[in-house]
């Protein structure tokens, strides 16, 4: 499948055709934010000393590896290419990531138009899996018979710590789950499709990933929200809204009873 044509953008005063996610064929200006990004370069577009210089060309933690032993399905040698993963401290947009990756390659000129050496840009959904794939050390890659690169072929710079990143990923995922749960409670979302649309509007691939990974849990929660509100509708009739809001704590999901409110009011009066 060929890449579809997209609009031209300006980066640092230079016009270039938008890079496209090679799996989803998504224009760069439509790609969501992410903390980890992966780029693919061709060696001929890199400076000759890229192995030694790449760490100083970018101050962020990164790792890189040259794939020079990959084979096509017919057994012929694939074109050599370099995988690079860069880690940011916070969520970074695709255009910002593109600028950073572009600084790692030489600027080229084709038909008088400046372009960049970066061939592919992709948000990393699972940093542990992406790290292992750099060497083709994943189960899927090995089942497909891909060449297993040696550990010493993987270059790391600027304190790229995969163990730390994986640990932070677990904590971050739990935080995002809590935030999505709060969205359901605060917004009284009773339909999973509506929740999915709201999460996609955030344009943050981390939230989309967590939502899709926990689809059953969030579907159950939205359905429970509908059932909970229906119980109040049947019990209180037209006045159920006030009673329902009284019981709903948008951030913790805890029930706030009338007694608790009365105690709070008494405490305030005592002051």
C-alpha atoms as a PDB file:
ATOM      1  CA  UNK A   1       0.000   0.000   0.000  1.00  0.00           C
ATOM      2  CA  UNK A   2       1.531   3.320  -1.033  1.00  0.00           C
ATOM      3  CA  UNK A   3       1.583   6.411   1.089  1.00  0.00           C
ATOM      4  CA  UNK A   4      -1.121   8.900   0.346  1.00  0.00           C
ATOM      5  CA  UNK A   5      -0.242  12.464  -0.533  1.00  0.00           C
ATOM      6  CA  UNK A   6      -0.583  14.969   2.283  1.00  0.00           C
ATOM      7  CA  UNK A   7      -0.213  18.704   2.722  1.00  0.00           C
ATOM      8  CA  UNK A   8       3.060  20.587   2.991  1.00  0.00           C
ATOM      9  CA  UNK A   9       4.107  21.988   6.367  1.00  0.00           C
ATOM     10  CA  UNK A  10       6.825  24.368   7.517  1.00  0.00           C
ATOM     11  CA  UNK A  11       9.475  23.381  10.072  1.00  0.00           C
ATOM     12  CA  UNK A  12      12.142  25.925  10.981  1.00  0.00           C
ATOM     13  CA  UNK A  13      11.300  27.839   7.821  1.00  0.00           C
ATOM     14  CA  UNK A  14      11.766  24.785   5.595  1.00  0.00           C
ATOM     15  CA  UNK A  15       8.882  23.317   3.594  1.00  0.00           C
ATOM     16  CA  UNK A  16       8.452  19.556   3.632  1.00  0.00           C
ATOM     17  CA  UNK A  17       5.784  17.016   2.779  1.00  0.00           C
ATOM     18  CA  UNK A  18       4.127  15.703   5.947  1.00  0.00           C
ATOM     19  CA  UNK A  19       5.620  12.484   7.205  1.00  0.00           C
ATOM     20  CA  UNK A  20       3.114   9.648   7.421  1.00  0.00           C
ATOM     21  CA  UNK A  21       2.770   6.910  10.035  1.00  0.00           C
ATOM     22  CA  UNK A  22       3.639   3.868   7.933  1.00  0.00           C
ATOM     23  CA  UNK A  23       1.105   1.606   9.657  1.00  0.00           C
ATOM     24  CA  UNK A  24      -1.880   3.905   9.893  1.00  0.00           C
ATOM     25  CA  UNK A  25      -1.009   6.256   7.020  1.00  0.00           C
ATOM     26  CA  UNK A  26      -1.835   9.204   9.256  1.00  0.00           C
ATOM     27  CA  UNK A  27      -0.607  12.727   8.374  1.00  0.00           C
ATOM     28  CA  UNK A  28       1.784  14.043  11.004  1.00  0.00           C
ATOM     29  CA  UNK A  29      -0.539  16.898  11.960  1.00  0.00           C
ATOM     30  CA  UNK A  30      -3.221  14.339  12.885  1.00  0.00           C
ATOM     31  CA  UNK A  31      -1.021  12.090  15.035  1.00  0.00           C
ATOM     32  CA  UNK A  32      -1.567  12.317  18.801  1.00  0.00           C
ATOM     33  CA  UNK A  33       1.027  13.074  21.459  1.00  0.00           C
ATOM     34  CA  UNK A  34       3.236  10.454  23.058  1.00  0.00           C
ATOM     35  CA  UNK A  35       6.205  10.183  25.399  1.00  0.00           C
ATOM     36  CA  UNK A  36       8.233   7.735  23.305  1.00  0.00           C
ATOM     37  CA  UNK A  37       8.748   8.039  19.555  1.00  0.00           C
ATOM     38  CA  UNK A  38      10.557   5.833  17.065  1.00  0.00           C
ATOM     39  CA  UNK A  39      12.128   6.910  13.803  1.00  0.00           C
ATOM     40  CA  UNK A  40      13.733   5.015  10.941  1.00  0.00           C
ATOM     41  CA  UNK A  41      16.635   6.392   8.905  1.00  0.00           C
ATOM     42  CA  UNK A  42      18.688   5.123   5.991  1.00  0.00           C
ATOM     43  CA  UNK A  43      22.468   5.109   6.645  1.00  0.00           C
ATOM     44  CA  UNK A  44      23.253   7.058   3.477  1.00  0.00           C
ATOM     45  CA  UNK A  45      21.218   9.952   4.872  1.00  0.00           C
ATOM     46  CA  UNK A  46      23.137   9.995   8.155  1.00  0.00           C
ATOM     47  CA  UNK A  47      26.537  11.494   8.815  1.00  0.00           C
ATOM     48  CA  UNK A  48      29.315   8.863   8.452  1.00  0.00           C
ATOM     49  CA  UNK A  49      30.125   9.018  12.181  1.00  0.00           C
ATOM     50  CA  UNK A  50      26.506   8.722  13.350  1.00  0.00           C
ATOM     51  CA  UNK A  51      27.305   5.878  15.779  1.00  0.00           C
ATOM     52  CA  UNK A  52      29.580   8.132  17.816  1.00  0.00           C
ATOM     53  CA  UNK A  53      27.839  11.448  17.231  1.00  0.00           C
ATOM     54  CA  UNK A  54      24.151  10.638  17.607  1.00  0.00           C
ATOM     55  CA  UNK A  55      24.240  10.904  21.402  1.00  0.00           C
ATOM     56  CA  UNK A  56      25.559  14.465  21.265  1.00  0.00           C
ATOM     57  CA  UNK A  57      23.177  15.478  18.466  1.00  0.00           C
ATOM     58  CA  UNK A  58      20.230  15.003  20.832  1.00  0.00           C
ATOM     59  CA  UNK A  59      20.240  15.663  24.581  1.00  0.00           C
ATOM     60  CA  UNK A  60      17.321  13.298  25.264  1.00  0.00           C
ATOM     61  CA  UNK A  61      17.693   9.612  26.213  1.00  0.00           C
ATOM     62  CA  UNK A  62      17.819   7.540  23.044  1.00  0.00           C
ATOM     63  CA  UNK A  63      18.862   4.190  21.657  1.00  0.00           C
ATOM     64  CA  UNK A  64      19.713   3.195  18.108  1.00  0.00           C
ATOM     65  CA  UNK A  65      20.592   0.110  16.112  1.00  0.00           C
ATOM     66  CA  UNK A  66      21.552  -0.608  12.517  1.00  0.00           C
ATOM     67  CA  UNK A  67      19.498  -3.345  10.850  1.00  0.00           C
ATOM     68  CA  UNK A  68      21.846  -4.637   8.176  1.00  0.00           C
ATOM     69  CA  UNK A  69      20.919  -8.330   8.232  1.00  0.00           C
ATOM     70  CA  UNK A  70      17.154  -8.187   7.624  1.00  0.00           C
ATOM     71  CA  UNK A  71      15.767 -10.314   4.803  1.00  0.00           C
ATOM     72  CA  UNK A  72      12.754  -9.974   2.534  1.00  0.00           C
ATOM     73  CA  UNK A  73      10.257 -12.840   2.206  1.00  0.00           C
ATOM     74  CA  UNK A  74      12.051 -14.043  -0.916  1.00  0.00           C
ATOM     75  CA  UNK A  75      15.337 -14.286   0.986  1.00  0.00           C
ATOM     76  CA  UNK A  76      16.967 -11.224  -0.539  1.00  0.00           C
ATOM     77  CA  UNK A  77      18.693  -8.712   1.719  1.00  0.00           C
ATOM     78  CA  UNK A  78      16.537  -5.778   2.818  1.00  0.00           C
ATOM     79  CA  UNK A  79      17.764  -2.226   2.498  1.00  0.00           C
ATOM     80  CA  UNK A  80      19.846  -1.277   5.530  1.00  0.00           C
ATOM     81  CA  UNK A  81      18.082   1.032   7.963  1.00  0.00           C
ATOM     82  CA  UNK A  82      18.554   2.486  11.426  1.00  0.00           C
ATOM     83  CA  UNK A  83      15.955   2.313  14.199  1.00  0.00           C
ATOM     84  CA  UNK A  84      16.055   5.131  16.764  1.00  0.00           C
ATOM     85  CA  UNK A  85      13.896   5.477  19.894  1.00  0.00           C
ATOM     86  CA  UNK A  86      13.856   8.778  21.798  1.00  0.00           C
ATOM     87  CA  UNK A  87      12.333   9.239  25.262  1.00  0.00           C
ATOM     88  CA  UNK A  88      10.831  12.550  26.373  1.00  0.00           C
ATOM     89  CA  UNK A  89      10.055  13.544  29.957  1.00  0.00           C
ATOM     90  CA  UNK A  90       6.445  14.316  29.068  1.00  0.00           C
ATOM     91  CA  UNK A  91       3.973  13.813  26.248  1.00  0.00           C
ATOM     92  CA  UNK A  92       5.314  15.324  23.030  1.00  0.00           C
ATOM     93  CA  UNK A  93       3.436  16.092  19.835  1.00  0.00           C
ATOM     94  CA  UNK A  94       4.316  14.468  16.522  1.00  0.00           C
ATOM     95  CA  UNK A  95       5.539  17.685  14.926  1.00  0.00           C
ATOM     96  CA  UNK A  96       7.886  18.413  17.835  1.00  0.00           C
ATOM     97  CA  UNK A  97       9.159  14.827  17.711  1.00  0.00           C
ATOM     98  CA  UNK A  98       9.685  15.176  13.968  1.00  0.00           C
ATOM     99  CA  UNK A  99      11.880  18.235  14.474  1.00  0.00           C
ATOM    100  CA  UNK A 100      14.033  16.398  17.020  1.00  0.00           C
ATOM    101  CA  UNK A 101      14.458  13.318  14.836  1.00  0.00           C
ATOM    102  CA  UNK A 102      15.184  15.445  11.778  1.00  0.00           C
ATOM    103  CA  UNK A 103      18.200  16.940  13.533  1.00  0.00           C
ATOM    104  CA  UNK A 104      19.801  13.481  13.599  1.00  0.00           C
ATOM    105  CA  UNK A 105      20.064  13.235   9.810  1.00  0.00           C
ATOM    106  CA  UNK A 106      21.567  15.312   7.044  1.00  0.00           C
ATOM    107  CA  UNK A 107      19.326  17.709   5.132  1.00  0.00           C
ATOM    108  CA  UNK A 108      18.902  16.635   1.533  1.00  0.00           C
ATOM    109  CA  UNK A 109      17.854  18.472  -1.595  1.00  0.00           C
ATOM    110  CA  UNK A 110      15.523  17.001  -4.202  1.00  0.00           C
ATOM    111  CA  UNK A 111      14.347  19.101  -7.135  1.00  0.00           C
ATOM    112  CA  UNK A 112      15.352  22.218  -5.256  1.00  0.00           C
ATOM    113  CA  UNK A 113      13.143  21.418  -2.247  1.00  0.00           C
ATOM    114  CA  UNK A 114      14.720  20.770   1.147  1.00  0.00           C
ATOM    115  CA  UNK A 115      13.708  17.487   2.768  1.00  0.00           C
ATOM    116  CA  UNK A 116      14.923  15.465   5.736  1.00  0.00           C
ATOM    117  CA  UNK A 117      16.641  12.136   6.279  1.00  0.00           C
ATOM    118  CA  UNK A 118      13.921  10.717   8.529  1.00  0.00           C
ATOM    119  CA  UNK A 119      11.978   8.031   6.656  1.00  0.00           C
ATOM    120  CA  UNK A 120       9.389   6.963   9.247  1.00  0.00           C
ATOM    121  CA  UNK A 121       8.008   8.401  12.470  1.00  0.00           C
ATOM    122  CA  UNK A 122       5.852   6.352  14.824  1.00  0.00           C
ATOM    123  CA  UNK A 123       4.548   6.725  18.378  1.00  0.00           C
ATOM    124  CA  UNK A 124       5.790   3.895  20.609  1.00  0.00           C
ATOM    125  CA  UNK A 125       2.815   2.221  22.284  1.00  0.00           C
ATOM    126  CA  UNK A 126       4.805  -0.231  24.414  1.00  0.00           C
ATOM    127  CA  UNK A 127       8.328   0.886  25.274  1.00  0.00           C
ATOM    128  CA  UNK A 128       9.392  -2.556  26.507  1.00  0.00           C
ATOM    129  CA  UNK A 129       8.254  -4.296  23.343  1.00  0.00           C
ATOM    130  CA  UNK A 130       9.737  -1.576  21.123  1.00  0.00           C
ATOM    131  CA  UNK A 131      13.063  -1.873  22.959  1.00  0.00           C
ATOM    132  CA  UNK A 132      13.130  -5.651  22.481  1.00  0.00           C
ATOM    133  CA  UNK A 133      12.178  -5.334  18.830  1.00  0.00           C
ATOM    134  CA  UNK A 134      15.252  -3.205  18.216  1.00  0.00           C
ATOM    135  CA  UNK A 135      17.176  -6.505  18.415  1.00  0.00           C
ATOM    136  CA  UNK A 136      14.273  -8.622  17.077  1.00  0.00           C
ATOM    137  CA  UNK A 137      14.160 -10.143  20.561  1.00  0.00           C
ATOM    138  CA  UNK A 138      10.354 -10.407  20.648  1.00  0.00           C
ATOM    139  CA  UNK A 139       8.491 -13.718  20.364  1.00  0.00           C
ATOM    140  CA  UNK A 140       6.707 -12.534  17.226  1.00  0.00           C
ATOM    141  CA  UNK A 141       9.933 -11.478  15.500  1.00  0.00           C
ATOM    142  CA  UNK A 142      11.607 -14.782  16.296  1.00  0.00           C
ATOM    143  CA  UNK A 143       8.601 -16.811  15.109  1.00  0.00           C
ATOM    144  CA  UNK A 144       8.919 -14.989  11.808  1.00  0.00           C
ATOM    145  CA  UNK A 145      12.576 -15.986  11.638  1.00  0.00           C
ATOM    146  CA  UNK A 146      13.981 -12.472  11.861  1.00  0.00           C
ATOM    147  CA  UNK A 147      17.682 -12.071  12.561  1.00  0.00           C
ATOM    148  CA  UNK A 148      18.459 -11.673  16.270  1.00  0.00           C
ATOM    149  CA  UNK A 149      20.895  -8.800  16.694  1.00  0.00           C
ATOM    150  CA  UNK A 150      23.503  -8.961  19.454  1.00  0.00           C
ATOM    151  CA  UNK A 151      23.100  -6.822  22.572  1.00  0.00           C
ATOM    152  CA  UNK A 152      26.333  -4.967  21.857  1.00  0.00           C
ATOM    153  CA  UNK A 153      24.881  -3.785  18.538  1.00  0.00           C
ATOM    154  CA  UNK A 154      22.237  -1.766  20.393  1.00  0.00           C
ATOM    155  CA  UNK A 155      23.596   1.702  21.180  1.00  0.00           C
ATOM    156  CA  UNK A 156      22.265   3.680  24.168  1.00  0.00           C
ATOM    157  CA  UNK A 157      22.910   7.332  24.988  1.00  0.00           C
ATOM    158  CA  UNK A 158      22.016   9.978  27.563  1.00  0.00           C
ATOM    159  CA  UNK A 159      20.928   7.568  30.310  1.00  0.00           C
ATOM    160  CA  UNK A 160      18.401   5.597  28.292  1.00  0.00           C
ATOM    161  CA  UNK A 161      17.148   3.294  31.079  1.00  0.00           C
ATOM    162  CA  UNK A 162      14.607   0.791  29.771  1.00  0.00           C
ATOM    163  CA  UNK A 163      13.987  -0.631  33.260  1.00  0.00           C
ATOM    164  CA  UNK A 164      13.040   2.790  34.592  1.00  0.00           C
ATOM    165  CA  UNK A 165      10.860   3.563  31.576  1.00  0.00           C
ATOM    166  CA  UNK A 166       8.958   0.288  31.942  1.00  0.00           C
ATOM    167  CA  UNK A 167       8.411   0.946  35.658  1.00  0.00           C
ATOM    168  CA  UNK A 168       7.171   4.469  34.958  1.00  0.00           C
ATOM    169  CA  UNK A 169       4.883   3.019  32.294  1.00  0.00           C
ATOM    170  CA  UNK A 170       3.055   0.859  34.842  1.00  0.00           C
ATOM    171  CA  UNK A 171       2.561   3.781  37.241  1.00  0.00           C
ATOM    172  CA  UNK A 172       1.490   6.097  34.427  1.00  0.00           C
ATOM    173  CA  UNK A 173      -1.042   3.567  33.138  1.00  0.00           C
ATOM    174  CA  UNK A 174      -2.704   3.372  36.557  1.00  0.00           C
ATOM    175  CA  UNK A 175      -2.834   7.169  36.737  1.00  0.00           C
ATOM    176  CA  UNK A 176      -4.469   7.371  33.312  1.00  0.00           C
ATOM    177  CA  UNK A 177      -7.005   4.700  34.281  1.00  0.00           C
ATOM    178  CA  UNK A 178      -7.945   6.779  37.324  1.00  0.00           C
ATOM    179  CA  UNK A 179      -8.312   9.886  35.154  1.00  0.00           C
ATOM    180  CA  UNK A 180     -10.577   8.094  32.663  1.00  0.00           C
ATOM    181  CA  UNK A 181     -12.689   6.768  35.532  1.00  0.00           C
ATOM    182  CA  UNK A 182     -13.007  10.348  36.800  1.00  0.00           C
ATOM    183  CA  UNK A 183     -14.126  11.418  33.310  1.00  0.00           C
ATOM    184  CA  UNK A 184     -16.933   8.855  33.469  1.00  0.00           C
ATOM    185  CA  UNK A 185     -18.049   9.902  36.945  1.00  0.00           C
ATOM    186  CA  UNK A 186     -17.668  13.645  36.486  1.00  0.00           C
ATOM    187  CA  UNK A 187     -19.292  13.643  33.059  1.00  0.00           C
ATOM    188  CA  UNK A 188     -21.863  11.001  34.022  1.00  0.00           C
ATOM    189  CA  UNK A 189     -20.969   9.137  30.846  1.00  0.00           C
ATOM    190  CA  UNK A 190     -23.353   6.236  30.328  1.00  0.00           C
ATOM    191  CA  UNK A 191     -22.221   5.152  26.862  1.00  0.00           C
ATOM    192  CA  UNK A 192     -18.836   3.618  26.001  1.00  0.00           C
ATOM    193  CA  UNK A 193     -18.881   5.058  22.472  1.00  0.00           C
ATOM    194  CA  UNK A 194     -19.241   8.573  23.879  1.00  0.00           C
ATOM    195  CA  UNK A 195     -16.341   7.885  26.249  1.00  0.00           C
ATOM    196  CA  UNK A 196     -14.195   6.648  23.365  1.00  0.00           C
ATOM    197  CA  UNK A 197     -14.899   9.786  21.335  1.00  0.00           C
ATOM    198  CA  UNK A 198     -14.021  11.999  24.311  1.00  0.00           C
ATOM    199  CA  UNK A 199     -10.735  10.163  24.881  1.00  0.00           C
ATOM    200  CA  UNK A 200      -9.808  10.399  21.201  1.00  0.00           C
ATOM    201  CA  UNK A 201     -10.398  14.147  21.329  1.00  0.00           C
ATOM    202  CA  UNK A 202      -7.513  14.340  23.811  1.00  0.00           C
ATOM    203  CA  UNK A 203      -5.201  13.312  20.930  1.00  0.00           C
ATOM    204  CA  UNK A 204      -2.941  11.487  23.370  1.00  0.00           C
ATOM    205  CA  UNK A 205      -2.052   7.943  22.314  1.00  0.00           C
ATOM    206  CA  UNK A 206      -1.408   6.925  25.933  1.00  0.00           C
ATOM    207  CA  UNK A 207      -5.057   7.471  26.863  1.00  0.00           C
ATOM    208  CA  UNK A 208      -6.318   5.676  23.757  1.00  0.00           C
ATOM    209  CA  UNK A 209      -4.041   2.730  24.505  1.00  0.00           C
ATOM    210  CA  UNK A 210      -5.218   2.460  28.139  1.00  0.00           C
ATOM    211  CA  UNK A 211      -8.863   2.775  27.084  1.00  0.00           C
ATOM    212  CA  UNK A 212      -8.599   0.006  24.491  1.00  0.00           C
ATOM    213  CA  UNK A 213      -6.580  -2.221  26.814  1.00  0.00           C
ATOM    214  CA  UNK A 214      -9.279  -1.970  29.503  1.00  0.00           C
ATOM    215  CA  UNK A 215     -12.333  -1.891  27.235  1.00  0.00           C
ATOM    216  CA  UNK A 216     -14.337  -4.383  29.339  1.00  0.00           C
ATOM    217  CA  UNK A 217     -13.693  -2.501  32.580  1.00  0.00           C
ATOM    218  CA  UNK A 218     -14.665   0.892  31.143  1.00  0.00           C
ATOM    219  CA  UNK A 219     -17.676  -0.539  29.292  1.00  0.00           C
ATOM    220  CA  UNK A 220     -18.889  -2.011  32.573  1.00  0.00           C
ATOM    221  CA  UNK A 221     -18.346   1.284  34.392  1.00  0.00           C
ATOM    222  CA  UNK A 222     -20.317   3.324  31.837  1.00  0.00           C
ATOM    223  CA  UNK A 223     -23.130   0.759  31.928  1.00  0.00           C
ATOM    224  CA  UNK A 224     -23.105   0.858  35.743  1.00  0.00           C
ATOM    225  CA  UNK A 225     -23.352   4.648  35.618  1.00  0.00           C
ATOM    226  CA  UNK A 226     -26.499   4.320  33.506  1.00  0.00           C
ATOM    227  CA  UNK A 227     -27.987   1.717  35.875  1.00  0.00           C
ATOM    228  CA  UNK A 228     -27.121   3.790  38.944  1.00  0.00           C
ATOM    229  CA  UNK A 229     -28.780   6.898  37.560  1.00  0.00           C
ATOM    230  CA  UNK A 230     -31.844   4.892  36.477  1.00  0.00           C
ATOM    231  CA  UNK A 231     -32.300   3.678  40.054  1.00  0.00           C
ATOM    232  CA  UNK A 232     -32.476   7.274  41.254  1.00  0.00           C
ATOM    233  CA  UNK A 233     -34.797   8.236  38.415  1.00  0.00           C
ATOM    234  CA  UNK A 234     -37.257   5.506  39.453  1.00  0.00           C
ATOM    235  CA  UNK A 235     -37.013   6.330  43.161  1.00  0.00           C
ATOM    236  CA  UNK A 236     -37.189  10.136  43.051  1.00  0.00           C
ATOM    237  CA  UNK A 237     -38.932  10.829  39.743  1.00  0.00           C
ATOM    238  CA  UNK A 238     -38.401  14.292  38.261  1.00  0.00           C
ATOM    239  CA  UNK A 239     -36.424  15.439  41.283  1.00  0.00           C
ATOM    240  CA  UNK A 240     -33.869  12.659  41.022  1.00  0.00           C
ATOM    241  CA  UNK A 241     -31.120  14.907  39.595  1.00  0.00           C
ATOM    242  CA  UNK A 242     -30.492  16.738  42.864  1.00  0.00           C
ATOM    243  CA  UNK A 243     -30.449  13.544  44.896  1.00  0.00           C
ATOM    244  CA  UNK A 244     -28.192  11.777  42.422  1.00  0.00           C
ATOM    245  CA  UNK A 245     -25.676  14.634  42.335  1.00  0.00           C
ATOM    246  CA  UNK A 246     -25.611  14.582  46.126  1.00  0.00           C
ATOM    247  CA  UNK A 247     -24.402  10.985  46.062  1.00  0.00           C
ATOM    248  CA  UNK A 248     -21.859  11.361  43.296  1.00  0.00           C
ATOM    249  CA  UNK A 249     -18.300  12.377  44.013  1.00  0.00           C
ATOM    250  CA  UNK A 250     -16.772  12.946  40.584  1.00  0.00           C
ATOM    251  CA  UNK A 251     -13.170  12.410  41.574  1.00  0.00           C
ATOM    252  CA  UNK A 252     -13.213   9.464  43.978  1.00  0.00           C
ATOM    253  CA  UNK A 253     -16.521   7.777  43.249  1.00  0.00           C
ATOM    254  CA  UNK A 254     -17.241   7.702  46.983  1.00  0.00           C
ATOM    255  CA  UNK A 255     -20.798   8.101  48.236  1.00  0.00           C
ATOM    256  CA  UNK A 256     -21.474  11.324  50.127  1.00  0.00           C
ATOM    257  CA  UNK A 257     -24.357  10.730  52.524  1.00  0.00           C
ATOM    258  CA  UNK A 258     -26.763  13.321  53.938  1.00  0.00           C
ATOM    259  CA  UNK A 259     -25.249  12.695  57.350  1.00  0.00           C
ATOM    260  CA  UNK A 260     -21.804  13.635  56.100  1.00  0.00           C
ATOM    261  CA  UNK A 261     -23.146  16.872  54.621  1.00  0.00           C
ATOM    262  CA  UNK A 262     -24.972  17.703  57.849  1.00  0.00           C
ATOM    263  CA  UNK A 263     -21.832  17.090  59.870  1.00  0.00           C
ATOM    264  CA  UNK A 264     -19.887  19.326  57.510  1.00  0.00           C
ATOM    265  CA  UNK A 265     -22.435  22.144  57.833  1.00  0.00           C
ATOM    266  CA  UNK A 266     -22.397  21.836  61.625  1.00  0.00           C
ATOM    267  CA  UNK A 267     -18.621  22.035  61.630  1.00  0.00           C
ATOM    268  CA  UNK A 268     -18.686  25.164  59.461  1.00  0.00           C
ATOM    269  CA  UNK A 269     -21.243  26.831  61.761  1.00  0.00           C
ATOM    270  CA  UNK A 270     -19.115  26.008  64.803  1.00  0.00           C
ATOM    271  CA  UNK A 271     -16.221  27.883  63.211  1.00  0.00           C
END
